[in-house]
Amino acid sequence: MSAKFIASVLGFAVIFFSGFAHSTTLIFDASGNIVGSVAGTWGGAGVQNPSVSKVGAAVGQGITQTLVNRGFSASDPRVTSTVKSVATRVASTVAVAGAGSSWLTILSRANTVAVAGVLIYQGLSWYFDAKTGQVTTQPPGTLATPIFSNGVQTGQMAWTLGSAWFGSPEEAFSYSVEGPTLKNYADAQFLNVAVTKNATSATISYTLKVPSASINTPYTKTVTGQIWSIASACSPGFGYLSGTGCVSAGLDKSHWANSPIQTYTPQQAYDQLSQAAKDSQISKELMTELTNRVWKDAASQPDFQGVPWSANNPTKPDTFTPYITQEPQAWPNTKEIASPVSTATPPVAQPLADNTAISNPTSSTATKVDLGPDPGVPPPTLEDPPTDLFKPIKDVMEPWLSWQVPNHSTVCPTWHAAPSVAGHVFDLDLSFHCTFIEKYRNAIATAAIVCWVVGAVFIVLSA
């Protein structure tokens, strides 16, 4: 039986040589020739599809892994349909926005999903306005109490001027400098305040003017920053003070009070990033926001074919952890969200299997596999299954199954006598009760039933 015969029936054949974690797949054409092979480790996160950008592959991986976490198989056609529908929607968005549109354009044209700050780079977060889609580098607060961070959170940057730790240099400055100064000088003014921030430190320059003390002096303060690793966390506008807990930054009394918050488009916010931030790996939080936005936007379209986006089970930052761990070279840098989205191929696609290396030998070097002549081995035959498996049980039950109530006949008892007394014969015939009972059979039966029922009720109720 030749491979050509098999291929002509099936159209193609794929043979797996499997180990515990690795596999090699031979791909045959209709003539029985090997036209390709795939070797790799299966069942993991998967590498980037070479025809898709790293951002598009990460989005596809995020959708796929989210659905796997929801109970779907990665090979489920519904997962593939979902990714394809998202890719179609992204391509149509690019067509409307114009050629050369970047992933930042896609981000700005889809509705906001995140309700808190989206971490971009060490200590820097973007806050998206749900109505306008505009970005602020501090969460929207009231004009009387501006907020500069989402608080002290584990894994994010925290800043200090020597005492309490806050989520931003501005909050640390307000607590450690402005607050104590205003306590000593009620008329103190902080003028020309400028904040310059880098990865692990920030410089705040300002002029302190105190008319009552004839002070008008420029100062510079250096705020130290580091990744917060302590489990304790504090809300926006509050910082952590060892031995005390969360303390207010006092922003409502700072010079920033009543200052409007500056907003930017996603592109403008990106342009303000440092080169180090652009060259660093894109944050899982930003990729999460992008994935949720494009999936939610695609699912809202009438022609969407796939699994709807779920607010209860969205893509989360941890969804990407296996992908980053197993395929770090496939994870994009932040600057790649500013690159144009190509629609020559689907902009979003599922990744291939782990460590997959595809080879496609030419037809001149293709190897033809011949499995030899057909040995003529007939298909296996099976004995007829036994019948009447329950016959022994039926035989045991036969006397009980065939039992019938025996027939019998009854005759109403009568009595007759003809005694003779002093020569006189007396005819005694007791048979009237039979006539009476037969005549009133139904009434007597009904009365008996009633009596039995009443008696049974009394017995039950007295138990």
Protein backbone atom coordinates (compact mmCIF):
# COMPACT_ATOMS: atom_id res chain seq x y z
CA MET A 1 0.00 0.00 0.00
CA SER A 2 1.76 3.20 -1.13
CA ALA A 3 1.64 6.65 0.39
CA LYS A 4 0.26 7.84 -2.93
CA PHE A 5 -2.80 5.67 -2.44
CA ILE A 6 -3.33 7.04 1.08
CA ALA A 7 -2.92 10.64 -0.06
CA SER A 8 -5.33 10.19 -2.96
CA VAL A 9 -8.02 9.14 -0.52
CA LEU A 10 -7.39 11.62 2.26
CA GLY A 11 -6.04 14.53 0.21
CA PHE A 12 -3.10 14.79 2.58
CA ALA A 13 -1.48 12.79 5.32
CA VAL A 14 0.26 13.97 8.45
CA ILE A 15 2.41 11.55 10.40
CA PHE A 16 3.59 12.37 13.94
CA PHE A 17 6.79 11.01 15.44
CA SER A 18 6.11 11.92 19.05
CA GLY A 19 8.17 12.08 22.19
CA PHE A 20 7.06 13.23 25.57
CA ALA A 21 7.36 16.93 24.74
CA HIS A 22 8.56 17.21 21.14
CA SER A 23 7.08 16.20 17.81
CA THR A 24 7.97 16.16 14.14
CA THR A 25 5.25 16.38 11.51
CA LEU A 26 5.68 15.28 7.90
CA ILE A 27 3.33 16.94 5.43
CA PHE A 28 2.47 15.03 2.23
CA ASP A 29 0.93 16.20 -1.03
CA ALA A 30 -1.62 14.27 -3.09
CA SER A 31 1.18 12.37 -4.89
CA GLY A 32 2.65 10.98 -1.71
CA ASN A 33 5.65 13.31 -1.71
CA ILE A 34 6.91 15.05 1.43
CA VAL A 35 6.38 18.76 0.89
CA GLY A 36 7.11 20.04 4.35
CA SER A 37 7.84 19.23 7.95
CA VAL A 38 7.17 20.85 11.30
CA ALA A 39 9.28 20.20 14.39
CA GLY A 40 8.47 21.71 17.71
CA THR A 41 7.25 21.58 21.26
CA TRP A 42 3.46 21.56 21.34
CA GLY A 43 0.89 22.76 23.83
CA GLY A 44 2.61 25.91 25.06
CA ALA A 45 2.13 29.57 24.38
CA GLY A 46 3.40 29.51 20.81
CA VAL A 47 5.78 31.68 18.85
CA GLN A 48 4.97 34.64 16.71
CA ASN A 49 3.46 33.93 13.33
CA PRO A 50 6.17 35.30 10.98
CA SER A 51 3.58 36.98 8.75
CA VAL A 52 2.12 39.03 11.63
CA SER A 53 3.65 41.91 13.57
CA LYS A 54 4.70 41.23 17.13
CA VAL A 55 1.87 43.42 18.41
CA GLY A 56 -0.69 41.58 16.27
CA ALA A 57 0.68 38.22 17.37
CA ALA A 58 0.52 39.28 21.03
CA VAL A 59 -3.09 40.39 20.60
CA GLY A 60 -3.91 37.06 18.99
CA GLN A 61 -2.15 35.23 21.81
CA GLY A 62 -4.04 37.27 24.41
CA ILE A 63 -7.41 36.40 22.87
CA THR A 64 -6.48 32.74 22.47
CA GLN A 65 -5.15 32.36 26.02
CA THR A 66 -8.17 34.20 27.45
CA LEU A 67 -10.53 31.76 25.73
CA VAL A 68 -8.39 28.81 26.86
CA ASN A 69 -8.71 30.13 30.41
CA ARG A 70 -12.47 30.24 29.87
CA GLY A 71 -12.50 26.54 28.97
CA PHE A 72 -12.02 26.49 25.20
CA SER A 73 -9.44 24.40 23.43
CA ALA A 74 -6.77 26.37 21.58
CA SER A 75 -7.68 24.43 18.43
CA ASP A 76 -11.40 25.10 18.80
CA PRO A 77 -12.74 26.62 15.54
CA ARG A 78 -14.57 29.23 17.62
CA VAL A 79 -11.22 30.52 18.91
CA THR A 80 -9.90 30.81 15.36
CA SER A 81 -13.11 32.55 14.23
CA THR A 82 -12.79 35.04 17.08
CA VAL A 83 -9.22 35.97 16.19
CA LYS A 84 -10.11 36.26 12.49
CA SER A 85 -13.09 38.50 13.25
CA VAL A 86 -10.90 40.79 15.36
CA ALA A 87 -8.32 40.90 12.56
CA THR A 88 -11.06 41.84 10.06
CA ARG A 89 -12.29 44.64 12.30
CA VAL A 90 -8.75 46.01 12.82
CA ALA A 91 -8.17 45.97 9.05
CA SER A 92 -11.44 47.84 8.43
CA THR A 93 -10.49 50.42 11.07
CA VAL A 94 -7.16 50.98 9.33
CA ALA A 95 -8.98 51.35 6.00
CA VAL A 96 -11.19 54.09 7.47
CA ALA A 97 -8.39 55.84 9.37
CA GLY A 98 -6.06 55.74 6.39
CA ALA A 99 -2.97 53.87 5.29
CA GLY A 100 -0.09 54.07 7.72
CA SER A 101 -2.34 54.11 10.79
CA SER A 102 -0.59 52.70 13.84
CA TRP A 103 -1.77 50.61 16.75
CA LEU A 104 -2.08 53.89 18.65
CA THR A 105 -4.72 54.88 16.10
CA ILE A 106 -6.53 51.59 16.69
CA LEU A 107 -6.29 52.21 20.44
CA SER A 108 -7.77 55.71 20.16
CA ARG A 109 -10.67 54.58 17.93
CA ALA A 110 -11.90 51.83 20.27
CA ASN A 111 -13.76 52.45 23.50
CA THR A 112 -11.82 52.52 26.76
CA VAL A 113 -11.95 49.36 28.88
CA ALA A 114 -9.55 50.08 31.76
CA VAL A 115 -11.06 51.86 34.76
CA ALA A 116 -7.71 52.60 36.42
CA GLY A 117 -4.28 53.66 35.29
CA VAL A 118 -2.50 51.59 32.63
CA LEU A 119 1.16 51.12 33.52
CA ILE A 120 3.40 52.17 30.63
CA TYR A 121 6.89 52.28 32.07
CA GLN A 122 8.53 52.44 35.48
CA GLY A 123 6.08 54.45 37.59
CA LEU A 124 4.43 56.09 34.55
CA SER A 125 0.79 55.28 33.89
CA TRP A 126 -1.72 56.47 31.32
CA TYR A 127 -5.27 57.23 32.41
CA PHE A 128 -7.88 57.08 29.67
CA ASP A 129 -10.99 59.24 29.72
CA ALA A 130 -13.92 56.92 29.00
CA LYS A 131 -15.82 59.62 27.06
CA THR A 132 -13.12 61.31 25.01
CA GLY A 133 -10.42 58.63 24.86
CA GLN A 134 -7.88 61.29 25.85
CA VAL A 135 -4.88 60.35 27.97
CA THR A 136 -3.71 61.97 31.19
CA THR A 137 -0.60 61.07 33.12
CA GLN A 138 -2.55 61.45 36.32
CA PRO A 139 -6.01 60.05 37.10
CA PRO A 140 -8.86 62.52 36.62
CA GLY A 141 -9.78 64.10 39.96
CA THR A 142 -11.63 67.20 41.05
CA LEU A 143 -9.95 70.50 40.22
CA ALA A 144 -9.64 71.21 43.93
CA THR A 145 -7.73 67.97 44.59
CA PRO A 146 -5.53 66.88 41.69
CA ILE A 147 -4.21 63.29 41.75
CA PHE A 148 -0.91 62.24 40.21
CA SER A 149 -0.90 58.45 40.57
CA ASN A 150 -3.05 55.45 41.35
CA GLY A 151 -1.47 55.23 44.79
CA VAL A 152 1.26 53.02 46.19
CA GLN A 153 0.88 49.65 44.48
CA THR A 154 3.07 46.55 44.64
CA GLY A 155 5.16 46.18 41.49
CA GLN A 156 4.90 49.87 40.52
CA MET A 157 7.28 52.76 41.18
CA ALA A 158 7.14 54.49 44.56
CA TRP A 159 8.80 57.82 45.38
CA THR A 160 10.14 59.41 48.55
CA LEU A 161 11.95 62.46 49.88
CA GLY A 162 13.15 60.57 52.94
CA SER A 163 10.00 59.71 54.88
CA ALA A 164 6.76 58.47 53.33
CA TRP A 165 6.57 56.68 49.97
CA PHE A 166 4.08 57.88 47.34
CA GLY A 167 3.00 56.86 43.86
CA SER A 168 4.47 60.03 42.25
CA PRO A 169 7.23 62.59 42.91
CA GLU A 170 4.59 65.33 43.09
CA GLU A 171 2.81 63.62 45.99
CA ALA A 172 6.09 63.05 47.82
CA PHE A 173 6.98 66.75 47.34
CA SER A 174 3.58 67.88 48.57
CA TYR A 175 3.88 65.76 51.73
CA SER A 176 7.54 66.32 52.60
CA VAL A 177 8.12 69.92 51.44
CA GLU A 178 4.94 71.88 50.85
CA GLY A 179 3.03 70.57 53.86
CA PRO A 180 5.69 71.31 56.51
CA THR A 181 6.53 74.69 54.94
CA LEU A 182 2.91 75.82 54.95
CA LYS A 183 2.62 74.71 58.56
CA ASN A 184 5.48 77.08 59.49
CA TYR A 185 4.62 79.86 57.03
CA ALA A 186 0.95 80.28 56.23
CA ASP A 187 1.76 82.77 53.44
CA ALA A 188 4.34 80.52 51.73
CA GLN A 189 4.14 80.31 47.93
CA PHE A 190 5.73 77.74 45.62
CA LEU A 191 6.47 79.33 42.27
CA ASN A 192 7.81 78.01 38.95
CA VAL A 193 7.61 74.40 40.07
CA ALA A 194 9.11 72.07 37.44
CA VAL A 195 9.32 68.28 37.68
CA THR A 196 11.90 66.31 35.66
CA LYS A 197 11.51 62.56 35.99
CA ASN A 198 13.66 59.66 34.85
CA ALA A 199 13.66 55.93 35.60
CA THR A 200 14.68 55.97 39.27
CA SER A 201 14.76 59.61 40.35
CA ALA A 202 13.07 62.94 39.81
CA THR A 203 14.26 66.51 40.19
CA ILE A 204 11.84 69.19 41.37
CA SER A 205 12.96 72.80 41.05
CA TYR A 206 10.95 75.67 42.53
CA THR A 207 11.13 79.13 44.06
CA LEU A 208 9.95 79.53 47.64
CA LYS A 209 8.45 82.94 48.37
CA VAL A 210 7.44 83.85 51.94
CA PRO A 211 6.57 87.58 52.22
CA SER A 212 6.31 87.51 56.02
CA ALA A 213 9.85 86.15 56.33
CA SER A 214 11.34 88.01 53.34
CA ILE A 215 12.20 84.74 51.62
CA ASN A 216 12.40 84.48 47.84
CA THR A 217 14.85 81.67 47.14
CA PRO A 218 15.13 79.00 44.41
CA TYR A 219 15.52 75.37 45.53
CA THR A 220 15.99 71.94 43.97
CA LYS A 221 14.89 68.68 45.51
CA THR A 222 15.76 65.15 44.34
CA VAL A 223 13.08 62.51 44.78
CA THR A 224 14.21 58.88 44.90
CA GLY A 225 12.17 56.16 43.22
CA GLN A 226 12.13 52.36 43.29
CA ILE A 227 9.79 49.49 42.54
CA TRP A 228 7.47 48.99 45.50
CA SER A 229 7.85 45.42 46.78
CA ILE A 230 6.04 45.66 50.12
CA ALA A 231 2.58 44.10 50.30
CA SER A 232 1.11 47.27 51.85
CA ALA A 233 -0.74 49.51 49.37
CA CYS A 234 -2.31 52.96 49.60
CA SER A 235 -5.09 54.68 47.63
CA PRO A 236 -4.58 57.54 45.15
CA GLY A 237 -3.42 60.68 46.96
CA PHE A 238 -2.00 58.70 49.88
CA GLY A 239 1.46 57.32 50.65
CA TYR A 240 2.97 54.74 52.98
CA LEU A 241 4.80 55.83 56.13
CA SER A 242 6.62 53.08 58.03
CA GLY A 243 5.11 52.54 61.47
CA THR A 244 2.05 54.63 60.64
CA GLY A 245 0.50 53.25 57.48
CA CYS A 246 -1.17 55.31 54.76
CA VAL A 247 -0.93 59.10 55.08
CA SER A 248 -2.42 61.86 52.93
CA ALA A 249 -0.16 63.72 50.53
CA GLY A 250 -2.06 66.94 51.28
CA LEU A 251 -2.55 67.76 47.60
CA ASP A 252 -5.61 69.87 48.40
CA LYS A 253 -3.29 72.37 50.11
CA SER A 254 -0.47 72.18 47.58
CA HIS A 255 0.24 74.71 44.86
CA TRP A 256 -1.27 72.17 42.40
CA ALA A 257 -4.74 72.59 43.90
CA ASN A 258 -7.24 74.04 41.41
CA SER A 259 -4.87 73.31 38.51
CA PRO A 260 -6.47 71.82 35.39
CA ILE A 261 -5.26 68.42 34.26
CA GLN A 262 -3.49 68.29 30.90
CA THR A 263 -4.90 65.77 28.41
CA TYR A 264 -3.26 64.21 25.34
CA THR A 265 -4.15 61.94 22.46
CA PRO A 266 -2.51 58.48 22.67
CA GLN A 267 -0.06 59.58 19.97
CA GLN A 268 0.84 62.77 21.88
CA ALA A 269 1.26 60.78 25.10
CA TYR A 270 3.52 58.35 23.27
CA ASP A 271 5.60 61.18 21.80
CA GLN A 272 6.31 62.43 25.33
CA LEU A 273 7.78 59.08 26.41
CA SER A 274 11.50 58.88 26.95
CA GLN A 275 13.55 56.86 24.50
CA ALA A 276 14.24 54.34 27.25
CA ALA A 277 10.51 53.84 27.68
CA LYS A 278 9.99 53.39 23.94
CA ASP A 279 12.83 50.87 23.68
CA SER A 280 11.66 48.82 26.65
CA GLN A 281 9.31 45.87 26.35
CA ILE A 282 5.71 46.93 26.13
CA SER A 283 3.91 46.57 29.45
CA LYS A 284 1.45 43.75 29.90
CA GLU A 285 -1.07 46.34 31.10
CA LEU A 286 -0.94 48.31 27.83
CA MET A 287 -1.15 45.14 25.75
CA THR A 288 -4.10 44.04 27.88
CA GLU A 289 -5.91 47.31 27.21
CA LEU A 290 -5.25 47.07 23.46
CA THR A 291 -6.41 43.44 23.30
CA ASN A 292 -9.61 44.10 25.24
CA ARG A 293 -10.41 47.18 23.17
CA VAL A 294 -10.07 45.57 19.74
CA TRP A 295 -11.89 42.39 20.85
CA LYS A 296 -14.75 44.36 22.45
CA ASP A 297 -14.98 46.63 19.40
CA ALA A 298 -15.05 43.66 16.98
CA ALA A 299 -17.65 41.81 19.07
CA SER A 300 -19.99 44.82 18.88
CA GLN A 301 -20.16 44.60 15.08
CA PRO A 302 -23.26 42.90 13.53
CA ASP A 303 -21.14 40.58 11.36
CA PHE A 304 -18.92 39.38 14.21
CA GLN A 305 -18.35 35.63 14.17
CA GLY A 306 -16.69 34.32 17.27
CA VAL A 307 -16.87 34.27 21.05
CA PRO A 308 -18.08 37.62 22.44
CA TRP A 309 -15.84 39.68 24.68
CA SER A 310 -16.77 39.27 28.35
CA ALA A 311 -16.53 42.03 30.92
CA ASN A 312 -16.48 39.33 33.62
CA ASN A 313 -13.67 37.35 31.93
CA PRO A 314 -11.58 39.85 29.95
CA THR A 315 -7.94 39.54 29.01
CA LYS A 316 -5.76 40.28 32.04
CA PRO A 317 -2.06 41.18 32.37
CA ASP A 318 -1.24 37.72 33.72
CA THR A 319 -2.73 36.22 30.56
CA PHE A 320 0.48 37.13 28.73
CA THR A 321 2.91 35.79 31.34
CA PRO A 322 3.36 32.30 29.78
CA TYR A 323 3.86 33.86 26.34
CA ILE A 324 6.52 36.28 27.61
CA THR A 325 8.28 33.57 29.61
CA GLN A 326 8.40 30.98 26.81
CA GLU A 327 8.84 33.32 23.84
CA PRO A 328 10.53 36.53 25.09
CA GLN A 329 11.86 37.33 21.61
CA ALA A 330 8.29 37.47 20.30
CA TRP A 331 7.15 40.10 22.83
CA PRO A 332 7.06 43.61 21.27
CA ASN A 333 8.71 46.78 22.46
CA THR A 334 6.66 49.85 23.31
CA LYS A 335 7.75 51.65 20.14
CA GLU A 336 6.09 48.99 18.00
CA ILE A 337 2.62 50.29 18.90
CA ALA A 338 3.55 53.42 16.91
CA SER A 339 4.43 51.41 13.80
CA PRO A 340 1.95 51.20 10.90
CA VAL A 341 -0.52 48.32 10.94
CA SER A 342 -0.06 46.24 7.81
CA THR A 343 -3.21 44.86 6.20
CA ALA A 344 -1.39 42.89 3.50
CA THR A 345 -1.86 39.92 5.85
CA PRO A 346 -4.32 39.63 8.74
CA PRO A 347 -3.10 42.17 11.33
CA VAL A 348 -4.06 39.81 14.19
CA ALA A 349 -3.48 36.06 14.15
CA GLN A 350 -2.98 33.10 16.43
CA PRO A 351 0.68 32.24 17.07
CA LEU A 352 2.20 29.01 15.82
CA ALA A 353 3.22 26.16 18.10
CA ASP A 354 6.22 26.54 20.44
CA ASN A 355 9.68 26.56 18.82
CA THR A 356 8.08 25.64 15.51
CA ALA A 357 10.53 25.42 12.61
CA ILE A 358 8.88 24.89 9.24
CA SER A 359 10.87 23.56 6.33
CA ASN A 360 9.58 23.22 2.78
CA PRO A 361 11.89 21.16 0.54
CA THR A 362 11.59 21.73 -3.17
CA SER A 363 10.02 19.09 -5.36
CA SER A 364 13.47 18.20 -6.74
CA THR A 365 14.68 17.17 -3.28
CA ALA A 366 11.37 15.81 -2.02
CA THR A 367 11.48 12.24 -0.73
CA LYS A 368 8.84 9.80 -1.88
CA VAL A 369 7.70 7.32 0.74
CA ASP A 370 6.66 3.82 -0.43
CA LEU A 371 5.17 1.63 2.25
CA GLY A 372 5.50 -1.50 0.10
CA PRO A 373 2.92 -3.80 -1.48
CA ASP A 374 -0.45 -4.36 0.08
CA PRO A 375 0.00 -7.44 2.35
CA GLY A 376 -3.63 -8.39 1.79
CA VAL A 377 -4.41 -8.74 5.47
CA PRO A 378 -8.19 -8.92 5.79
CA PRO A 379 -9.93 -6.72 8.28
CA PRO A 380 -10.43 -8.29 11.70
CA THR A 381 -13.66 -10.12 12.44
CA LEU A 382 -15.51 -10.30 15.70
CA GLU A 383 -17.62 -13.13 17.06
CA ASP A 384 -21.33 -12.56 17.31
CA PRO A 385 -22.15 -11.14 20.67
CA PRO A 386 -24.03 -13.49 23.02
CA THR A 387 -27.79 -13.18 23.14
CA ASP A 388 -30.28 -13.49 25.97
CA LEU A 389 -27.73 -12.59 28.64
CA PHE A 390 -30.47 -12.35 31.26
CA LYS A 391 -31.88 -15.86 30.70
CA PRO A 392 -30.66 -17.26 34.08
CA ILE A 393 -32.32 -14.41 35.89
CA LYS A 394 -35.49 -14.79 33.88
CA ASP A 395 -35.56 -18.53 34.68
CA VAL A 396 -35.32 -17.79 38.41
CA MET A 397 -38.10 -15.23 38.18
CA GLU A 398 -40.33 -17.33 35.94
CA PRO A 399 -42.50 -18.81 38.79
CA TRP A 400 -43.12 -15.34 40.12
CA LEU A 401 -43.78 -13.77 36.73
CA SER A 402 -46.33 -16.45 35.78
CA TRP A 403 -48.17 -16.55 39.13
CA GLN A 404 -51.90 -15.82 38.96
CA VAL A 405 -54.56 -15.46 41.57
CA PRO A 406 -56.36 -18.84 41.76
CA ASN A 407 -60.02 -19.01 40.74
CA HIS A 408 -62.63 -19.88 43.39
CA SER A 409 -66.39 -19.71 43.81
CA THR A 410 -68.40 -18.79 46.85
CA VAL A 411 -71.98 -19.51 47.91
CA CYS A 412 -73.92 -17.51 50.39
CA PRO A 413 -74.34 -19.70 53.49
CA THR A 414 -77.94 -20.68 54.31
CA TRP A 415 -79.51 -22.82 56.97
CA HIS A 416 -82.68 -24.97 56.84
CA ALA A 417 -84.31 -27.11 59.50
CA ALA A 418 -87.76 -28.77 60.04
CA PRO A 419 -87.98 -29.80 63.70
CA SER A 420 -91.13 -31.62 64.95
CA VAL A 421 -92.61 -30.68 68.30
CA ALA A 422 -95.62 -32.60 69.66
CA GLY A 423 -96.42 -33.84 66.24
CA HIS A 424 -96.15 -30.41 64.70
CA VAL A 425 -93.43 -29.81 62.09
CA PHE A 426 -91.79 -26.35 62.04
CA ASP A 427 -90.11 -25.16 58.76
CA LEU A 428 -87.03 -22.95 59.61
CA ASP A 429 -85.32 -21.38 56.52
CA LEU A 430 -82.49 -18.82 56.99
CA SER A 431 -81.76 -17.51 53.48
CA PHE A 432 -83.24 -14.03 53.47
CA HIS A 433 -79.81 -12.46 54.30
CA CYS A 434 -78.46 -13.71 50.96
CA THR A 435 -81.21 -11.97 49.06
CA PHE A 436 -80.66 -8.79 51.13
CA ILE A 437 -76.87 -8.72 50.68
CA GLU A 438 -77.08 -9.38 46.95
CA LYS A 439 -79.69 -6.68 46.51
CA TYR A 440 -77.62 -4.05 48.38
CA ARG A 441 -74.14 -5.29 47.38
CA ASN A 442 -72.86 -1.89 46.11
CA ALA A 443 -74.13 0.05 49.09
CA ILE A 444 -72.62 -2.42 51.53
CA ALA A 445 -69.26 -2.35 49.66
CA THR A 446 -69.19 1.43 49.76
CA ALA A 447 -70.00 1.51 53.46
CA ALA A 448 -67.28 -1.04 54.16
CA ILE A 449 -64.71 1.01 52.25
CA VAL A 450 -65.67 4.12 54.20
CA CYS A 451 -65.32 2.25 57.49
CA TRP A 452 -61.90 0.86 56.51
CA VAL A 453 -60.70 4.29 55.46
CA VAL A 454 -61.92 5.94 58.66
CA GLY A 455 -60.31 3.17 60.70
CA ALA A 456 -57.02 3.57 58.82
CA VAL A 457 -57.03 7.34 59.37
CA PHE A 458 -57.52 6.88 63.10
CA ILE A 459 -54.70 4.36 63.24
CA VAL A 460 -52.31 6.66 61.35
CA LEU A 461 -53.21 9.77 63.34
CA SER A 462 -52.88 7.93 66.67
CA ALA A 463 -49.42 6.59 65.81
